[in-house]
């Protein structure tokens, strides 16, 4: 059974990638979710709609190019849902250049209005489009890798890909 919203039918596909399985969710042709197994926080799987192979060719192609180190940005229609604060944080994350990192504290400073690094970290953790909204580029104040929905090994692998230090064979 497909979930239906005012924007269209929600469907998902499970892609096999060099990072392991990724569940990709779309609604009305726009990407709404990209999740690793054991993603934390756990998304509501009831909102994924029916599994379908249709309509995921472009995201599959672009993810493959990105994971092969051949693509630095994604050109996909996105529909993100979250609070205004979350969307501000995700927009700032999207501005971090390919191959570079920023810290939770720096993002909090850029947001102003009393935002703390912990507030930013919570918003980063709610990012529904890991990899595409590159939350793996956000690190702790000392440069140490901290929290990632797909696990720290995947976060390190994504950063290594972007910094030209890793070409993935198979991390699974």
N, C-alpha and C. Protein backbone atom coordinates (compact mmCIF):
# COMPACT_ATOMS: atom_id res chain seq x y z
N UNK A 1 0.84 -1.18 0.00
CA UNK A 1 0.00 0.00 0.00
C UNK A 1 0.89 1.25 0.00
N UNK A 2 0.62 2.20 -0.85
CA UNK A 2 1.37 3.44 -0.91
C UNK A 2 0.74 4.48 0.00
N UNK A 3 1.59 5.23 0.66
CA UNK A 3 1.08 6.35 1.46
C UNK A 3 0.75 7.48 0.50
N UNK A 4 -0.33 8.18 0.77
CA UNK A 4 -0.77 9.27 -0.09
C UNK A 4 -0.74 10.57 0.71
N UNK A 5 -0.18 11.61 0.13
CA UNK A 5 -0.21 12.93 0.75
C UNK A 5 -0.79 13.91 -0.26
N UNK A 6 -0.94 15.15 0.16
CA UNK A 6 -1.47 16.16 -0.76
C UNK A 6 -0.51 16.40 -1.92
N UNK A 7 0.78 16.11 -1.74
CA UNK A 7 1.76 16.35 -2.81
C UNK A 7 1.89 15.15 -3.74
N UNK A 8 1.45 13.97 -3.32
CA UNK A 8 1.55 12.81 -4.18
C UNK A 8 1.84 11.55 -3.41
N UNK A 9 2.09 10.50 -4.14
CA UNK A 9 2.34 9.20 -3.56
C UNK A 9 3.75 9.13 -2.99
N UNK A 10 3.84 8.51 -1.82
CA UNK A 10 5.14 8.30 -1.17
C UNK A 10 5.57 6.87 -1.45
N UNK A 11 6.80 6.72 -1.96
CA UNK A 11 7.36 5.39 -2.21
C UNK A 11 8.81 5.38 -1.73
N UNK A 12 9.35 4.18 -1.61
CA UNK A 12 10.75 4.06 -1.22
C UNK A 12 11.42 2.93 -1.98
N UNK A 13 12.72 3.00 -2.00
CA UNK A 13 13.55 1.94 -2.58
C UNK A 13 14.73 1.71 -1.64
N UNK A 14 15.22 0.50 -1.62
CA UNK A 14 16.42 0.18 -0.84
C UNK A 14 17.54 -0.03 -1.84
N UNK A 15 18.53 0.86 -1.77
CA UNK A 15 19.65 0.82 -2.70
C UNK A 15 20.84 0.12 -2.07
N UNK A 16 21.54 -0.67 -2.84
CA UNK A 16 22.78 -1.29 -2.40
C UNK A 16 23.91 -0.39 -2.88
N UNK A 17 24.65 0.17 -1.93
CA UNK A 17 25.73 1.09 -2.28
C UNK A 17 27.03 0.60 -1.65
N UNK A 18 28.11 1.27 -1.97
CA UNK A 18 29.40 0.94 -1.37
C UNK A 18 29.43 1.28 0.11
N UNK A 19 28.45 2.04 0.61
CA UNK A 19 28.33 2.32 2.04
C UNK A 19 27.38 1.35 2.73
N UNK A 20 26.84 0.42 1.97
CA UNK A 20 25.82 -0.48 2.48
C UNK A 20 24.46 -0.05 1.99
N UNK A 21 23.43 -0.62 2.60
CA UNK A 21 22.07 -0.29 2.20
C UNK A 21 21.70 1.16 2.55
N UNK A 22 21.00 1.79 1.65
CA UNK A 22 20.41 3.11 1.89
C UNK A 22 18.95 3.04 1.46
N UNK A 23 18.06 3.44 2.34
CA UNK A 23 16.65 3.53 2.00
C UNK A 23 16.38 4.95 1.54
N UNK A 24 15.84 5.06 0.34
CA UNK A 24 15.55 6.35 -0.27
C UNK A 24 14.04 6.50 -0.36
N UNK A 25 13.53 7.63 0.14
CA UNK A 25 12.09 7.89 0.15
C UNK A 25 11.81 9.11 -0.72
N UNK A 26 10.75 9.01 -1.50
CA UNK A 26 10.35 10.15 -2.32
C UNK A 26 8.85 10.36 -2.24
N UNK A 27 8.48 11.60 -2.45
CA UNK A 27 7.07 11.97 -2.47
C UNK A 27 6.84 12.88 -3.67
N UNK A 28 5.95 12.46 -4.53
CA UNK A 28 5.64 13.29 -5.69
C UNK A 28 6.85 13.65 -6.52
N UNK A 29 7.83 12.77 -6.61
CA UNK A 29 9.03 13.02 -7.41
C UNK A 29 10.14 13.76 -6.69
N UNK A 30 9.92 14.16 -5.43
CA UNK A 30 10.95 14.85 -4.66
C UNK A 30 11.50 13.93 -3.58
N UNK A 31 12.80 13.98 -3.39
CA UNK A 31 13.46 13.17 -2.37
C UNK A 31 13.11 13.74 -0.99
N UNK A 32 12.62 12.88 -0.10
CA UNK A 32 12.24 13.32 1.25
C UNK A 32 13.04 12.63 2.34
N UNK A 33 13.70 11.53 2.02
CA UNK A 33 14.45 10.82 3.04
C UNK A 33 15.54 9.95 2.45
N UNK A 34 16.63 9.83 3.19
CA UNK A 34 17.75 8.96 2.83
C UNK A 34 18.30 8.42 4.14
N UNK A 35 18.14 7.13 4.35
CA UNK A 35 18.41 6.54 5.66
C UNK A 35 19.29 5.30 5.58
N UNK A 36 20.19 5.19 6.55
CA UNK A 36 21.00 3.99 6.72
C UNK A 36 20.24 2.99 7.58
N UNK A 37 20.62 1.70 7.52
CA UNK A 37 20.06 0.76 8.49
C UNK A 37 20.42 1.23 9.91
N UNK A 38 19.57 1.00 10.85
CA UNK A 38 19.78 1.40 12.25
C UNK A 38 20.02 2.91 12.38
N UNK A 39 19.44 3.66 11.45
CA UNK A 39 19.53 5.12 11.45
C UNK A 39 19.03 5.64 12.79
N UNK A 40 19.72 6.61 13.34
CA UNK A 40 19.28 7.19 14.60
C UNK A 40 19.19 8.70 14.46
N UNK A 41 18.09 9.32 14.78
CA UNK A 41 16.88 8.68 15.31
C UNK A 41 16.16 7.88 14.23
N UNK A 42 15.47 6.86 14.67
CA UNK A 42 14.78 5.98 13.73
C UNK A 42 13.63 6.72 13.05
N UNK A 43 13.62 6.70 11.72
CA UNK A 43 12.50 7.32 11.01
C UNK A 43 11.24 6.46 11.13
N UNK A 44 10.10 7.07 10.92
CA UNK A 44 8.83 6.35 10.93
C UNK A 44 8.67 5.60 9.62
N UNK A 45 8.92 4.31 9.67
CA UNK A 45 8.88 3.50 8.44
C UNK A 45 7.49 3.45 7.81
N UNK A 46 6.46 3.71 8.59
CA UNK A 46 5.11 3.75 8.03
C UNK A 46 4.97 4.89 7.02
N UNK A 47 5.81 5.91 7.15
CA UNK A 47 5.75 7.05 6.24
C UNK A 47 6.56 6.82 4.96
N UNK A 48 7.18 5.67 4.81
CA UNK A 48 7.99 5.39 3.62
C UNK A 48 7.15 5.03 2.40
N UNK A 49 5.92 4.65 2.60
CA UNK A 49 5.09 4.21 1.49
C UNK A 49 5.54 2.85 0.99
N UNK A 50 5.00 2.46 -0.13
CA UNK A 50 5.30 1.16 -0.72
C UNK A 50 6.71 1.15 -1.30
N UNK A 51 7.30 -0.04 -1.32
CA UNK A 51 8.60 -0.18 -1.97
C UNK A 51 8.37 -0.25 -3.47
N UNK A 52 9.20 0.47 -4.21
CA UNK A 52 9.06 0.54 -5.65
C UNK A 52 10.42 0.79 -6.28
N UNK A 53 10.64 0.21 -7.43
CA UNK A 53 11.89 0.46 -8.15
C UNK A 53 11.74 1.67 -9.08
N UNK A 54 10.52 2.14 -9.28
CA UNK A 54 10.26 3.23 -10.21
C UNK A 54 10.60 4.59 -9.61
N UNK A 55 11.25 5.42 -10.41
CA UNK A 55 11.48 6.80 -10.03
C UNK A 55 12.75 7.06 -9.22
N UNK A 56 13.61 6.07 -9.10
CA UNK A 56 14.81 6.25 -8.28
C UNK A 56 16.10 6.20 -9.09
N UNK A 57 16.00 6.20 -10.40
CA UNK A 57 17.19 6.08 -11.25
C UNK A 57 18.15 7.26 -11.06
N UNK A 58 17.62 8.46 -10.99
CA UNK A 58 18.49 9.64 -10.90
C UNK A 58 19.21 9.71 -9.56
N UNK A 59 18.52 9.47 -8.46
CA UNK A 59 19.18 9.49 -7.16
C UNK A 59 20.20 8.35 -7.07
N UNK A 60 19.88 7.21 -7.66
CA UNK A 60 20.83 6.09 -7.67
C UNK A 60 22.09 6.47 -8.44
N UNK A 61 21.91 7.09 -9.60
CA UNK A 61 23.06 7.51 -10.42
C UNK A 61 23.91 8.54 -9.68
N UNK A 62 23.28 9.57 -9.13
CA UNK A 62 24.03 10.63 -8.46
C UNK A 62 24.72 10.12 -7.19
N UNK A 63 24.07 9.26 -6.43
CA UNK A 63 24.74 8.68 -5.25
C UNK A 63 25.95 7.85 -5.67
N UNK A 64 25.80 7.07 -6.74
CA UNK A 64 26.92 6.28 -7.24
C UNK A 64 28.09 7.14 -7.64
N UNK A 65 27.81 8.23 -8.34
CA UNK A 65 28.88 9.15 -8.76
C UNK A 65 29.54 9.80 -7.54
N UNK A 66 28.73 10.21 -6.58
CA UNK A 66 29.27 10.83 -5.37
C UNK A 66 30.17 9.83 -4.62
N UNK A 67 29.70 8.62 -4.43
CA UNK A 67 30.48 7.63 -3.67
C UNK A 67 31.73 7.19 -4.42
N UNK A 68 31.75 7.39 -5.73
CA UNK A 68 32.94 7.09 -6.52
C UNK A 68 33.90 8.29 -6.57
N UNK A 69 33.54 9.38 -5.90
CA UNK A 69 34.38 10.57 -5.91
C UNK A 69 34.28 11.38 -7.18
N UNK A 70 33.21 11.18 -7.96
CA UNK A 70 33.04 11.85 -9.24
C UNK A 70 32.01 12.97 -9.21
N UNK A 71 31.40 13.23 -8.06
CA UNK A 71 30.36 14.25 -7.95
C UNK A 71 30.51 14.94 -6.61
N UNK A 72 30.49 16.27 -6.62
CA UNK A 72 30.63 17.03 -5.39
C UNK A 72 29.32 17.56 -4.82
N UNK A 73 28.31 17.70 -5.67
CA UNK A 73 27.01 18.19 -5.21
C UNK A 73 25.92 17.36 -5.87
N UNK A 74 24.76 17.43 -5.27
CA UNK A 74 23.60 16.71 -5.80
C UNK A 74 22.66 17.71 -6.47
N UNK A 75 22.04 17.27 -7.55
CA UNK A 75 21.07 18.07 -8.27
C UNK A 75 19.78 17.26 -8.34
N UNK A 76 19.08 17.23 -7.20
CA UNK A 76 17.86 16.45 -7.08
C UNK A 76 16.76 17.32 -6.49
N UNK A 77 15.52 17.09 -6.90
CA UNK A 77 14.43 17.82 -6.24
C UNK A 77 14.26 17.29 -4.81
N UNK A 78 14.27 18.21 -3.84
CA UNK A 78 14.19 17.84 -2.43
C UNK A 78 12.93 18.43 -1.80
N UNK A 79 12.40 17.71 -0.84
CA UNK A 79 11.31 18.22 -0.01
C UNK A 79 11.66 17.83 1.42
N UNK A 80 12.09 18.80 2.20
CA UNK A 80 12.49 18.51 3.58
C UNK A 80 11.45 19.06 4.54
N UNK A 81 11.15 18.26 5.54
CA UNK A 81 10.21 18.67 6.58
C UNK A 81 10.96 18.76 7.89
N UNK A 82 10.74 19.85 8.58
CA UNK A 82 11.36 20.06 9.87
C UNK A 82 10.99 21.43 10.39
N UNK A 83 11.38 21.70 11.61
CA UNK A 83 11.10 23.02 12.19
C UNK A 83 11.88 24.08 11.43
N UNK A 84 11.52 25.32 11.67
CA UNK A 84 12.24 26.43 11.04
C UNK A 84 13.72 26.40 11.44
N UNK A 85 13.99 26.15 12.72
CA UNK A 85 15.37 26.08 13.19
C UNK A 85 16.12 24.95 12.48
N UNK A 86 15.50 23.76 12.40
CA UNK A 86 16.13 22.64 11.71
C UNK A 86 16.48 23.01 10.28
N UNK A 87 15.55 23.62 9.57
CA UNK A 87 15.79 23.97 8.17
C UNK A 87 16.91 25.00 8.03
N UNK A 88 17.01 25.95 8.99
CA UNK A 88 18.13 26.89 8.97
C UNK A 88 19.46 26.14 9.12
N UNK A 89 19.51 25.20 10.06
CA UNK A 89 20.73 24.43 10.28
C UNK A 89 21.06 23.62 9.03
N UNK A 90 20.07 22.95 8.46
CA UNK A 90 20.32 22.13 7.27
C UNK A 90 20.78 22.99 6.09
N UNK A 91 20.26 24.20 5.98
CA UNK A 91 20.71 25.10 4.93
C UNK A 91 22.18 25.48 5.15
N UNK A 92 22.56 25.77 6.38
CA UNK A 92 23.96 26.09 6.67
C UNK A 92 24.87 24.90 6.36
N UNK A 93 24.43 23.70 6.72
CA UNK A 93 25.22 22.50 6.43
C UNK A 93 25.42 22.37 4.92
N UNK A 94 24.38 22.64 4.16
CA UNK A 94 24.46 22.51 2.70
C UNK A 94 25.44 23.50 2.09
N UNK A 95 25.79 24.55 2.83
CA UNK A 95 26.74 25.54 2.34
C UNK A 95 28.20 25.18 2.65
N UNK A 96 28.42 24.14 3.45
CA UNK A 96 29.80 23.73 3.75
C UNK A 96 30.38 23.12 2.47
N UNK A 97 31.48 23.65 1.98
CA UNK A 97 32.03 23.16 0.72
C UNK A 97 32.45 21.68 0.77
N UNK A 98 32.30 21.04 -0.37
CA UNK A 98 32.72 19.66 -0.56
C UNK A 98 34.18 19.52 -0.09
N UNK A 99 34.43 18.48 0.69
CA UNK A 99 35.79 18.20 1.15
C UNK A 99 36.21 18.98 2.38
N UNK A 100 35.35 19.85 2.90
CA UNK A 100 35.68 20.63 4.08
C UNK A 100 34.74 20.26 5.22
N UNK A 101 35.09 20.70 6.41
CA UNK A 101 34.24 20.45 7.58
C UNK A 101 33.99 21.76 8.32
N UNK A 102 33.03 21.72 9.18
CA UNK A 102 32.73 22.81 10.10
C UNK A 102 32.39 22.17 11.44
N UNK A 103 32.22 23.00 12.45
CA UNK A 103 31.89 22.47 13.77
C UNK A 103 30.47 22.87 14.17
N UNK A 104 29.95 22.16 15.14
CA UNK A 104 28.64 22.50 15.68
C UNK A 104 28.68 23.91 16.25
N UNK A 105 29.78 24.26 16.92
CA UNK A 105 29.92 25.59 17.50
C UNK A 105 29.93 26.68 16.45
N UNK A 106 30.64 26.44 15.34
CA UNK A 106 30.68 27.44 14.27
C UNK A 106 29.28 27.64 13.68
N UNK A 107 28.56 26.56 13.47
CA UNK A 107 27.20 26.69 12.95
C UNK A 107 26.32 27.47 13.93
N UNK A 108 26.48 27.20 15.24
CA UNK A 108 25.71 27.92 16.25
C UNK A 108 26.05 29.41 16.21
N UNK A 109 27.32 29.74 16.05
CA UNK A 109 27.72 31.16 15.96
C UNK A 109 27.10 31.82 14.73
N UNK A 110 27.09 31.10 13.63
CA UNK A 110 26.51 31.66 12.40
C UNK A 110 25.01 31.85 12.53
N UNK A 111 24.35 30.98 13.27
CA UNK A 111 22.91 31.11 13.48
C UNK A 111 22.57 32.26 14.41
N UNK A 112 23.43 32.48 15.42
CA UNK A 112 23.17 33.54 16.39
C UNK A 112 21.93 33.25 17.23
N UNK A 113 21.32 34.29 17.75
CA UNK A 113 20.09 34.18 18.53
C UNK A 113 20.17 33.16 19.66
N UNK A 114 21.35 33.01 20.25
CA UNK A 114 21.49 32.12 21.40
C UNK A 114 21.52 30.64 21.08
N UNK A 115 21.65 30.27 19.82
CA UNK A 115 21.73 28.85 19.47
C UNK A 115 23.00 28.26 20.07
N UNK A 116 22.89 27.10 20.66
CA UNK A 116 24.05 26.43 21.25
C UNK A 116 24.53 25.33 20.31
N UNK A 117 25.78 24.89 20.48
CA UNK A 117 26.25 23.74 19.70
C UNK A 117 25.36 22.51 19.91
N UNK A 118 24.81 22.36 21.11
CA UNK A 118 23.94 21.21 21.38
C UNK A 118 22.63 21.33 20.59
N UNK A 119 22.09 22.56 20.48
CA UNK A 119 20.89 22.77 19.66
C UNK A 119 21.17 22.40 18.21
N UNK A 120 22.32 22.85 17.73
CA UNK A 120 22.72 22.54 16.35
C UNK A 120 22.89 21.03 16.18
N UNK A 121 23.54 20.39 17.15
CA UNK A 121 23.73 18.94 17.07
C UNK A 121 22.42 18.19 17.00
N UNK A 122 21.43 18.63 17.77
CA UNK A 122 20.12 17.98 17.73
C UNK A 122 19.48 18.15 16.36
N UNK A 123 19.59 19.34 15.77
CA UNK A 123 19.03 19.59 14.44
C UNK A 123 19.77 18.76 13.39
N UNK A 124 21.09 18.68 13.51
CA UNK A 124 21.88 17.86 12.58
C UNK A 124 21.39 16.42 12.66
N UNK A 125 21.15 15.93 13.86
CA UNK A 125 20.67 14.57 14.05
C UNK A 125 19.30 14.31 13.44
N UNK A 126 18.51 15.34 13.26
CA UNK A 126 17.17 15.18 12.66
C UNK A 126 17.19 15.31 11.13
N UNK A 127 18.34 15.50 10.54
CA UNK A 127 18.47 15.63 9.09
C UNK A 127 17.89 14.39 8.41
N UNK A 128 16.84 14.55 7.60
CA UNK A 128 16.24 13.38 6.94
C UNK A 128 16.96 12.96 5.66
N UNK A 129 17.93 13.75 5.22
CA UNK A 129 18.59 13.47 3.94
C UNK A 129 20.10 13.37 4.12
N UNK A 130 20.52 12.41 4.96
CA UNK A 130 21.96 12.25 5.16
C UNK A 130 22.63 12.04 3.81
N UNK A 131 23.85 12.42 3.70
CA UNK A 131 24.68 12.42 2.49
C UNK A 131 24.29 13.60 1.60
N UNK A 132 23.02 13.71 1.20
CA UNK A 132 22.59 14.78 0.30
C UNK A 132 22.67 16.13 1.01
N UNK A 133 22.14 16.23 2.23
CA UNK A 133 22.42 17.37 3.10
C UNK A 133 23.59 16.88 3.95
N UNK A 134 24.79 17.34 3.65
CA UNK A 134 26.03 16.68 4.11
C UNK A 134 26.37 16.88 5.59
N UNK A 135 25.54 16.31 6.45
CA UNK A 135 25.78 16.46 7.90
C UNK A 135 27.06 15.75 8.34
N UNK A 136 27.59 14.88 7.49
CA UNK A 136 28.88 14.24 7.81
C UNK A 136 30.02 15.27 7.84
N UNK A 137 29.79 16.46 7.30
CA UNK A 137 30.82 17.51 7.30
C UNK A 137 30.87 18.30 8.61
N UNK A 138 30.00 17.95 9.56
CA UNK A 138 29.97 18.65 10.84
C UNK A 138 30.69 17.79 11.88
N UNK A 139 31.71 18.38 12.51
CA UNK A 139 32.55 17.67 13.46
C UNK A 139 32.58 18.40 14.80
N UNK A 140 33.16 17.76 15.79
CA UNK A 140 33.30 18.38 17.10
C UNK A 140 34.28 19.53 17.08
N UNK A 141 34.33 20.28 18.17
CA UNK A 141 35.16 21.49 18.24
C UNK A 141 36.65 21.22 18.06
N UNK A 142 37.11 20.00 18.36
CA UNK A 142 38.52 19.66 18.20
C UNK A 142 38.80 18.99 16.86
N UNK A 143 37.78 18.86 16.03
CA UNK A 143 37.93 18.16 14.76
C UNK A 143 37.60 16.69 14.86
N UNK A 144 37.30 16.22 16.06
CA UNK A 144 36.96 14.81 16.28
C UNK A 144 35.60 14.50 15.67
N UNK A 145 35.50 13.31 15.09
CA UNK A 145 34.22 12.88 14.54
C UNK A 145 33.28 12.56 15.70
N UNK A 146 32.09 13.09 15.60
CA UNK A 146 31.07 12.83 16.61
C UNK A 146 29.77 12.50 15.89
N UNK A 147 28.96 11.69 16.50
CA UNK A 147 27.64 11.30 16.03
C UNK A 147 27.37 11.36 14.55
N UNK A 148 26.84 10.28 14.02
CA UNK A 148 26.39 10.24 12.64
C UNK A 148 25.36 9.13 12.52
N UNK A 149 24.27 9.41 11.85
CA UNK A 149 23.16 8.46 11.74
C UNK A 149 23.60 7.13 11.15
N UNK A 150 24.60 7.14 10.30
CA UNK A 150 25.08 5.91 9.68
C UNK A 150 26.27 5.30 10.39
N UNK A 151 26.68 5.89 11.51
CA UNK A 151 27.84 5.40 12.25
C UNK A 151 29.10 6.16 11.87
N UNK A 152 30.04 6.18 12.79
CA UNK A 152 31.27 6.96 12.58
C UNK A 152 32.14 6.42 11.44
N UNK A 153 32.12 5.10 11.19
CA UNK A 153 32.91 4.56 10.08
C UNK A 153 32.42 5.11 8.75
N UNK A 154 31.10 5.22 8.59
CA UNK A 154 30.57 5.81 7.35
C UNK A 154 30.89 7.30 7.27
N UNK A 155 30.81 7.99 8.40
CA UNK A 155 31.13 9.42 8.40
C UNK A 155 32.58 9.61 7.95
N UNK A 156 33.50 8.82 8.49
CA UNK A 156 34.90 8.89 8.10
C UNK A 156 35.06 8.58 6.62
N UNK A 157 34.36 7.54 6.14
CA UNK A 157 34.45 7.16 4.73
C UNK A 157 33.97 8.29 3.82
N UNK A 158 32.87 8.94 4.18
CA UNK A 158 32.36 10.04 3.36
C UNK A 158 33.34 11.20 3.32
N UNK A 159 33.92 11.54 4.46
CA UNK A 159 34.92 12.61 4.48
C UNK A 159 36.16 12.22 3.69
N UNK A 160 36.58 10.97 3.81
CA UNK A 160 37.75 10.51 3.05
C UNK A 160 37.49 10.54 1.55
N UNK A 161 36.28 10.16 1.13
CA UNK A 161 35.93 10.26 -0.30
C UNK A 161 36.07 11.70 -0.76
N UNK A 162 35.49 12.62 0.01
CA UNK A 162 35.51 14.03 -0.38
C UNK A 162 36.91 14.62 -0.37
N UNK A 163 37.77 14.11 0.47
CA UNK A 163 39.13 14.64 0.56
C UNK A 163 40.10 13.83 -0.31
N UNK A 164 39.55 12.96 -1.16
CA UNK A 164 40.35 12.22 -2.12
C UNK A 164 41.23 11.14 -1.52
N UNK A 165 40.90 10.70 -0.31
CA UNK A 165 41.73 9.71 0.35
C UNK A 165 41.16 8.29 0.28
N UNK A 166 39.98 8.15 -0.28
CA UNK A 166 39.36 6.84 -0.27
C UNK A 166 38.50 6.68 -1.51
N UNK A 167 38.65 5.56 -2.14
CA UNK A 167 37.73 5.15 -3.20
C UNK A 167 37.14 3.86 -2.71
N UNK A 168 35.84 3.89 -2.48
CA UNK A 168 35.18 2.76 -1.85
C UNK A 168 35.12 1.55 -2.75
N UNK A 169 35.45 0.44 -2.19
CA UNK A 169 35.18 -0.84 -2.83
C UNK A 169 33.86 -1.28 -2.27
N UNK A 170 33.91 -1.78 -1.04
CA UNK A 170 32.68 -2.21 -0.39
C UNK A 170 32.89 -2.17 1.10
N UNK A 171 32.15 -1.31 1.79
CA UNK A 171 32.26 -1.21 3.25
C UNK A 171 31.32 -2.17 3.95
N UNK A 172 30.50 -2.86 3.23
CA UNK A 172 29.50 -3.73 3.87
C UNK A 172 30.11 -4.98 4.42
